[in-house]
Amino acid sequence: MKVHNQDNLTVTGTNIDEVKKRNANSGMSYNEAKEFLARTTGGHGTSVYSDTDVEQVRMKNKKA
């Protein structure tokens, strides 16, 4: 049987430390997942996540 410190419990009895531990081990956050998908799929409206040098692409396109 585990004994919980009362300071780490919410009013409803949720163990705050346990929630933080589980969140840390739960994988990507929503925003991290959005960024990953934007970087790996080339989705529309994802330029904020792009590391493409726009000027370099323009110069390359002019030469072609």
PDB file of N, CA and C in Angstrom:
ATOM      1  N   MET A   1       0.834  -1.183   0.000  1.00  0.00           N
ATOM      2  CA  MET A   1       0.000   0.000   0.000  1.00  0.00           C
ATOM      3  C   MET A   1       0.878   1.244   0.000  1.00  0.00           C
ATOM      4  N   LYS A   2       0.573   2.180  -0.929  1.00  0.00           N
ATOM      5  CA  LYS A   2       1.335   3.417  -1.009  1.00  0.00           C
ATOM      6  C   LYS A   2       0.741   4.467  -0.084  1.00  0.00           C
ATOM      7  N   VAL A   3       1.622   5.205   0.552  1.00  0.00           N
ATOM      8  CA  VAL A   3       1.178   6.315   1.397  1.00  0.00           C
ATOM      9  C   VAL A   3       1.502   7.594   0.649  1.00  0.00           C
ATOM     10  N   HIS A   4       0.501   8.446   0.428  1.00  0.00           N
ATOM     11  CA  HIS A   4       0.682   9.684  -0.316  1.00  0.00           C
ATOM     12  C   HIS A   4       0.815  10.865   0.631  1.00  0.00           C
ATOM     13  N   ASN A   5       1.707  11.766   0.295  1.00  0.00           N
ATOM     14  CA  ASN A   5       1.858  13.016   1.030  1.00  0.00           C
ATOM     15  C   ASN A   5       0.664  13.906   0.683  1.00  0.00           C
ATOM     16  N   GLN A   6      -0.035  14.417   1.658  1.00  0.00           N
ATOM     17  CA  GLN A   6      -1.225  15.244   1.435  1.00  0.00           C
ATOM     18  C   GLN A   6      -0.915  16.497   0.615  1.00  0.00           C
ATOM     19  N   ASP A   7       0.324  17.005   0.673  1.00  0.00           N
ATOM     20  CA  ASP A   7       0.689  18.204  -0.068  1.00  0.00           C
ATOM     21  C   ASP A   7       0.670  17.973  -1.572  1.00  0.00           C
ATOM     22  N   ASN A   8       0.779  16.732  -2.015  1.00  0.00           N
ATOM     23  CA  ASN A   8       0.835  16.421  -3.439  1.00  0.00           C
ATOM     24  C   ASN A   8      -0.505  16.004  -4.011  1.00  0.00           C
ATOM     25  N   LEU A   9      -1.572  16.174  -3.248  1.00  0.00           N
ATOM     26  CA  LEU A   9      -2.900  15.788  -3.707  1.00  0.00           C
ATOM     27  C   LEU A   9      -3.767  17.022  -3.949  1.00  0.00           C
ATOM     28  N   THR A  10      -4.593  16.946  -5.007  1.00  0.00           N
ATOM     29  CA  THR A  10      -5.561  18.016  -5.232  1.00  0.00           C
ATOM     30  C   THR A  10      -6.732  17.804  -4.288  1.00  0.00           C
ATOM     31  N   VAL A  11      -7.667  18.714  -4.316  1.00  0.00           N
ATOM     32  CA  VAL A  11      -8.854  18.623  -3.462  1.00  0.00           C
ATOM     33  C   VAL A  11      -9.630  17.342  -3.746  1.00  0.00           C
ATOM     34  N   THR A  12      -9.609  16.909  -5.007  1.00  0.00           N
ATOM     35  CA  THR A  12     -10.346  15.697  -5.383  1.00  0.00           C
ATOM     36  C   THR A  12      -9.551  14.423  -5.162  1.00  0.00           C
ATOM     37  N   GLY A  13      -8.306  14.544  -4.696  1.00  0.00           N
ATOM     38  CA  GLY A  13      -7.508  13.372  -4.389  1.00  0.00           C
ATOM     39  C   GLY A  13      -6.538  12.947  -5.479  1.00  0.00           C
ATOM     40  N   THR A  14      -6.396  13.756  -6.527  1.00  0.00           N
ATOM     41  CA  THR A  14      -5.461  13.431  -7.609  1.00  0.00           C
ATOM     42  C   THR A  14      -4.032  13.659  -7.145  1.00  0.00           C
ATOM     43  N   ASN A  15      -3.174  12.688  -7.381  1.00  0.00           N
ATOM     44  CA  ASN A  15      -1.773  12.796  -7.012  1.00  0.00           C
ATOM     45  C   ASN A  15      -1.043  13.596  -8.093  1.00  0.00           C
ATOM     46  N   ILE A  16      -0.682  14.829  -7.790  1.00  0.00           N
ATOM     47  CA  ILE A  16      -0.067  15.741  -8.751  1.00  0.00           C
ATOM     48  C   ILE A  16       1.255  15.186  -9.277  1.00  0.00           C
ATOM     49  N   ASP A  17       2.077  14.654  -8.411  1.00  0.00           N
ATOM     50  CA  ASP A  17       3.371  14.117  -8.843  1.00  0.00           C
ATOM     51  C   ASP A  17       3.202  12.954  -9.808  1.00  0.00           C
ATOM     52  N   GLU A  18       2.221  12.106  -9.565  1.00  0.00           N
ATOM     53  CA  GLU A  18       1.969  10.965 -10.449  1.00  0.00           C
ATOM     54  C   GLU A  18       1.500  11.441 -11.826  1.00  0.00           C
ATOM     55  N   VAL A  19       0.657  12.453 -11.858  1.00  0.00           N
ATOM     56  CA  VAL A  19       0.184  13.003 -13.130  1.00  0.00           C
ATOM     57  C   VAL A  19       1.356  13.597 -13.914  1.00  0.00           C
ATOM     58  N   LYS A  20       2.220  14.340 -13.245  1.00  0.00           N
ATOM     59  CA  LYS A  20       3.386  14.931 -13.911  1.00  0.00           C
ATOM     60  C   LYS A  20       4.309  13.846 -14.455  1.00  0.00           C
ATOM     61  N   LYS A  21       4.499  12.782 -13.694  1.00  0.00           N
ATOM     62  CA  LYS A  21       5.356  11.681 -14.128  1.00  0.00           C
ATOM     63  C   LYS A  21       4.776  11.009 -15.363  1.00  0.00           C
ATOM     64  N   ARG A  22       3.489  10.757 -15.348  1.00  0.00           N
ATOM     65  CA  ARG A  22       2.851  10.108 -16.502  1.00  0.00           C
ATOM     66  C   ARG A  22       2.864  11.011 -17.729  1.00  0.00           C
ATOM     67  N   ASN A  23       2.656  12.309 -17.539  1.00  0.00           N
ATOM     68  CA  ASN A  23       2.696  13.247 -18.665  1.00  0.00           C
ATOM     69  C   ASN A  23       4.086  13.275 -19.292  1.00  0.00           C
ATOM     70  N   ALA A  24       5.120  13.247 -18.472  1.00  0.00           N
ATOM     71  CA  ALA A  24       6.491  13.292 -18.977  1.00  0.00           C
ATOM     72  C   ALA A  24       6.816  12.059 -19.810  1.00  0.00           C
ATOM     73  N   ASN A  25       6.157  10.947 -19.532  1.00  0.00           N
ATOM     74  CA  ASN A  25       6.421   9.697 -20.244  1.00  0.00           C
ATOM     75  C   ASN A  25       5.372   9.368 -21.302  1.00  0.00           C
ATOM     76  N   SER A  26       4.534  10.334 -21.655  1.00  0.00           N
ATOM     77  CA  SER A  26       3.407  10.027 -22.534  1.00  0.00           C
ATOM     78  C   SER A  26       3.684  10.250 -24.012  1.00  0.00           C
ATOM     79  N   GLY A  27       4.849  10.736 -24.379  1.00  0.00           N
ATOM     80  CA  GLY A  27       5.146  10.961 -25.794  1.00  0.00           C
ATOM     81  C   GLY A  27       5.032  12.428 -26.148  1.00  0.00           C
ATOM     82  N   MET A  28       4.804  12.685 -27.435  1.00  0.00           N
ATOM     83  CA  MET A  28       4.752  14.060 -27.926  1.00  0.00           C
ATOM     84  C   MET A  28       3.501  14.785 -27.460  1.00  0.00           C
ATOM     85  N   SER A  29       3.668  16.094 -27.256  1.00  0.00           N
ATOM     86  CA  SER A  29       2.502  16.925 -26.968  1.00  0.00           C
ATOM     87  C   SER A  29       1.761  17.176 -28.280  1.00  0.00           C
ATOM     88  N   TYR A  30       0.590  17.772 -28.197  1.00  0.00           N
ATOM     89  CA  TYR A  30      -0.201  18.095 -29.386  1.00  0.00           C
ATOM     90  C   TYR A  30       0.612  18.980 -30.332  1.00  0.00           C
ATOM     91  N   ASN A  31       1.239  20.031 -29.799  1.00  0.00           N
ATOM     92  CA  ASN A  31       2.007  20.946 -30.643  1.00  0.00           C
ATOM     93  C   ASN A  31       3.259  20.281 -31.210  1.00  0.00           C
ATOM     94  N   GLU A  32       3.892  19.410 -30.440  1.00  0.00           N
ATOM     95  CA  GLU A  32       5.052  18.679 -30.957  1.00  0.00           C
ATOM     96  C   GLU A  32       4.635  17.755 -32.099  1.00  0.00           C
ATOM     97  N   ALA A  33       3.490  17.127 -31.964  1.00  0.00           N
ATOM     98  CA  ALA A  33       2.993  16.244 -33.022  1.00  0.00           C
ATOM     99  C   ALA A  33       2.660  17.048 -34.276  1.00  0.00           C
ATOM    100  N   LYS A  34       2.039  18.222 -34.104  1.00  0.00           N
ATOM    101  CA  LYS A  34       1.738  19.083 -35.248  1.00  0.00           C
ATOM    102  C   LYS A  34       3.012  19.488 -35.973  1.00  0.00           C
ATOM    103  N   GLU A  35       4.016  19.881 -35.213  1.00  0.00           N
ATOM    104  CA  GLU A  35       5.277  20.293 -35.820  1.00  0.00           C
ATOM    105  C   GLU A  35       5.940  19.127 -36.555  1.00  0.00           C
ATOM    106  N   PHE A  36       5.938  17.959 -35.950  1.00  0.00           N
ATOM    107  CA  PHE A  36       6.525  16.773 -36.583  1.00  0.00           C
ATOM    108  C   PHE A  36       5.827  16.474 -37.906  1.00  0.00           C
ATOM    109  N   LEU A  37       4.508  16.490 -37.907  1.00  0.00           N
ATOM    110  CA  LEU A  37       3.762  16.210 -39.136  1.00  0.00           C
ATOM    111  C   LEU A  37       4.043  17.261 -40.199  1.00  0.00           C
ATOM    112  N   ALA A  38       4.129  18.519 -39.783  1.00  0.00           N
ATOM    113  CA  ALA A  38       4.406  19.590 -40.737  1.00  0.00           C
ATOM    114  C   ALA A  38       5.785  19.416 -41.363  1.00  0.00           C
ATOM    115  N   ARG A  39       6.765  19.046 -40.556  1.00  0.00           N
ATOM    116  CA  ARG A  39       8.128  18.890 -41.065  1.00  0.00           C
ATOM    117  C   ARG A  39       8.285  17.650 -41.953  1.00  0.00           C
ATOM    118  N   THR A  40       7.515  16.628 -41.698  1.00  0.00           N
ATOM    119  CA  THR A  40       7.728  15.368 -42.411  1.00  0.00           C
ATOM    120  C   THR A  40       6.754  15.102 -43.546  1.00  0.00           C
ATOM    121  N   THR A  41       5.659  15.849 -43.643  1.00  0.00           N
ATOM    122  CA  THR A  41       4.681  15.570 -44.690  1.00  0.00           C
ATOM    123  C   THR A  41       4.522  16.705 -45.687  1.00  0.00           C
ATOM    124  N   GLY A  42       5.087  17.871 -45.399  1.00  0.00           N
ATOM    125  CA  GLY A  42       4.953  19.002 -46.324  1.00  0.00           C
ATOM    126  C   GLY A  42       3.530  19.483 -46.435  1.00  0.00           C
ATOM    127  N   GLY A  43       2.807  19.499 -45.340  1.00  0.00           N
ATOM    128  CA  GLY A  43       1.409  19.906 -45.331  1.00  0.00           C
ATOM    129  C   GLY A  43       1.201  21.361 -45.708  1.00  0.00           C
ATOM    130  N   HIS A  44      -0.032  21.727 -46.010  1.00  0.00           N
ATOM    131  CA  HIS A  44      -0.386  23.093 -46.385  1.00  0.00           C
ATOM    132  C   HIS A  44      -0.437  23.990 -45.163  1.00  0.00           C
ATOM    133  N   GLY A  45       0.051  25.227 -45.304  1.00  0.00           N
ATOM    134  CA  GLY A  45       0.006  26.186 -44.206  1.00  0.00           C
ATOM    135  C   GLY A  45       0.971  25.861 -43.083  1.00  0.00           C
ATOM    136  N   THR A  46       2.065  25.183 -43.403  1.00  0.00           N
ATOM    137  CA  THR A  46       3.001  24.773 -42.358  1.00  0.00           C
ATOM    138  C   THR A  46       4.328  25.515 -42.445  1.00  0.00           C
ATOM    139  N   SER A  47       4.336  26.653 -43.132  1.00  0.00           N
ATOM    140  CA  SER A  47       5.593  27.377 -43.344  1.00  0.00           C
ATOM    141  C   SER A  47       6.247  27.815 -42.033  1.00  0.00           C
ATOM    142  N   VAL A  48       5.455  27.995 -40.992  1.00  0.00           N
ATOM    143  CA  VAL A  48       6.021  28.397 -39.701  1.00  0.00           C
ATOM    144  C   VAL A  48       6.988  27.338 -39.176  1.00  0.00           C
ATOM    145  N   TYR A  49       6.821  26.094 -39.597  1.00  0.00           N
ATOM    146  CA  TYR A  49       7.683  25.007 -39.132  1.00  0.00           C
ATOM    147  C   TYR A  49       8.821  24.708 -40.106  1.00  0.00           C
ATOM    148  N   SER A  50       8.836  25.388 -41.231  1.00  0.00           N
ATOM    149  CA  SER A  50       9.797  25.076 -42.280  1.00  0.00           C
ATOM    150  C   SER A  50      11.175  25.645 -41.982  1.00  0.00           C
ATOM    151  N   ASP A  51      12.200  24.906 -42.358  1.00  0.00           N
ATOM    152  CA  ASP A  51      13.559  25.419 -42.250  1.00  0.00           C
ATOM    153  C   ASP A  51      14.141  25.664 -43.644  1.00  0.00           C
ATOM    154  N   THR A  52      13.260  25.762 -44.651  1.00  0.00           N
ATOM    155  CA  THR A  52      13.669  26.012 -46.026  1.00  0.00           C
ATOM    156  C   THR A  52      14.066  27.472 -46.192  1.00  0.00           C
ATOM    157  N   ASP A  53      15.169  27.711 -46.878  1.00  0.00           N
ATOM    158  CA  ASP A  53      15.610  29.064 -47.202  1.00  0.00           C
ATOM    159  C   ASP A  53      14.881  29.488 -48.470  1.00  0.00           C
ATOM    160  N   VAL A  54      13.883  30.351 -48.328  1.00  0.00           N
ATOM    161  CA  VAL A  54      13.018  30.744 -49.433  1.00  0.00           C
ATOM    162  C   VAL A  54      13.825  31.407 -50.544  1.00  0.00           C
ATOM    163  N   GLU A  55      14.752  32.277 -50.181  1.00  0.00           N
ATOM    164  CA  GLU A  55      15.565  32.958 -51.185  1.00  0.00           C
ATOM    165  C   GLU A  55      16.408  31.979 -51.991  1.00  0.00           C
ATOM    166  N   GLN A  56      16.926  30.966 -51.340  1.00  0.00           N
ATOM    167  CA  GLN A  56      17.719  29.949 -52.032  1.00  0.00           C
ATOM    168  C   GLN A  56      16.853  29.200 -53.057  1.00  0.00           C
ATOM    169  N   VAL A  57      15.632  28.892 -52.700  1.00  0.00           N
ATOM    170  CA  VAL A  57      14.718  28.205 -53.619  1.00  0.00           C
ATOM    171  C   VAL A  57      14.387  29.111 -54.796  1.00  0.00           C
ATOM    172  N   ARG A  58      14.157  30.393 -54.534  1.00  0.00           N
ATOM    173  CA  ARG A  58      13.849  31.328 -55.624  1.00  0.00           C
ATOM    174  C   ARG A  58      15.010  31.416 -56.607  1.00  0.00           C
ATOM    175  N   MET A  59      16.230  31.496 -56.088  1.00  0.00           N
ATOM    176  CA  MET A  59      17.400  31.580 -56.946  1.00  0.00           C
ATOM    177  C   MET A  59      17.537  30.296 -57.780  1.00  0.00           C
ATOM    178  N   LYS A  60      17.310  29.172 -57.170  1.00  0.00           N
ATOM    179  CA  LYS A  60      17.407  27.889 -57.869  1.00  0.00           C
ATOM    180  C   LYS A  60      16.353  27.810 -58.972  1.00  0.00           C
ATOM    181  N   ASN A  61      15.139  28.284 -58.698  1.00  0.00           N
ATOM    182  CA  ASN A  61      14.069  28.258 -59.679  1.00  0.00           C
ATOM    183  C   ASN A  61      14.351  29.203 -60.844  1.00  0.00           C
ATOM    184  N   LYS A  62      14.994  30.334 -60.581  1.00  0.00           N
ATOM    185  CA  LYS A  62      15.348  31.273 -61.655  1.00  0.00           C
ATOM    186  C   LYS A  62      16.358  30.666 -62.606  1.00  0.00           C
ATOM    187  N   LYS A  63      17.275  29.877 -62.080  1.00  0.00           N
ATOM    188  CA  LYS A  63      18.319  29.253 -62.888  1.00  0.00           C
ATOM    189  C   LYS A  63      17.772  28.135 -63.760  1.00  0.00           C
ATOM    190  N   ALA A  64      16.686  27.520 -63.331  1.00  0.00           N
ATOM    191  CA  ALA A  64      16.117  26.365 -64.061  1.00  0.00           C
ATOM    192  C   ALA A  64      15.353  26.752 -65.288  1.00  0.00           C
TER     193      ALA A  64
END
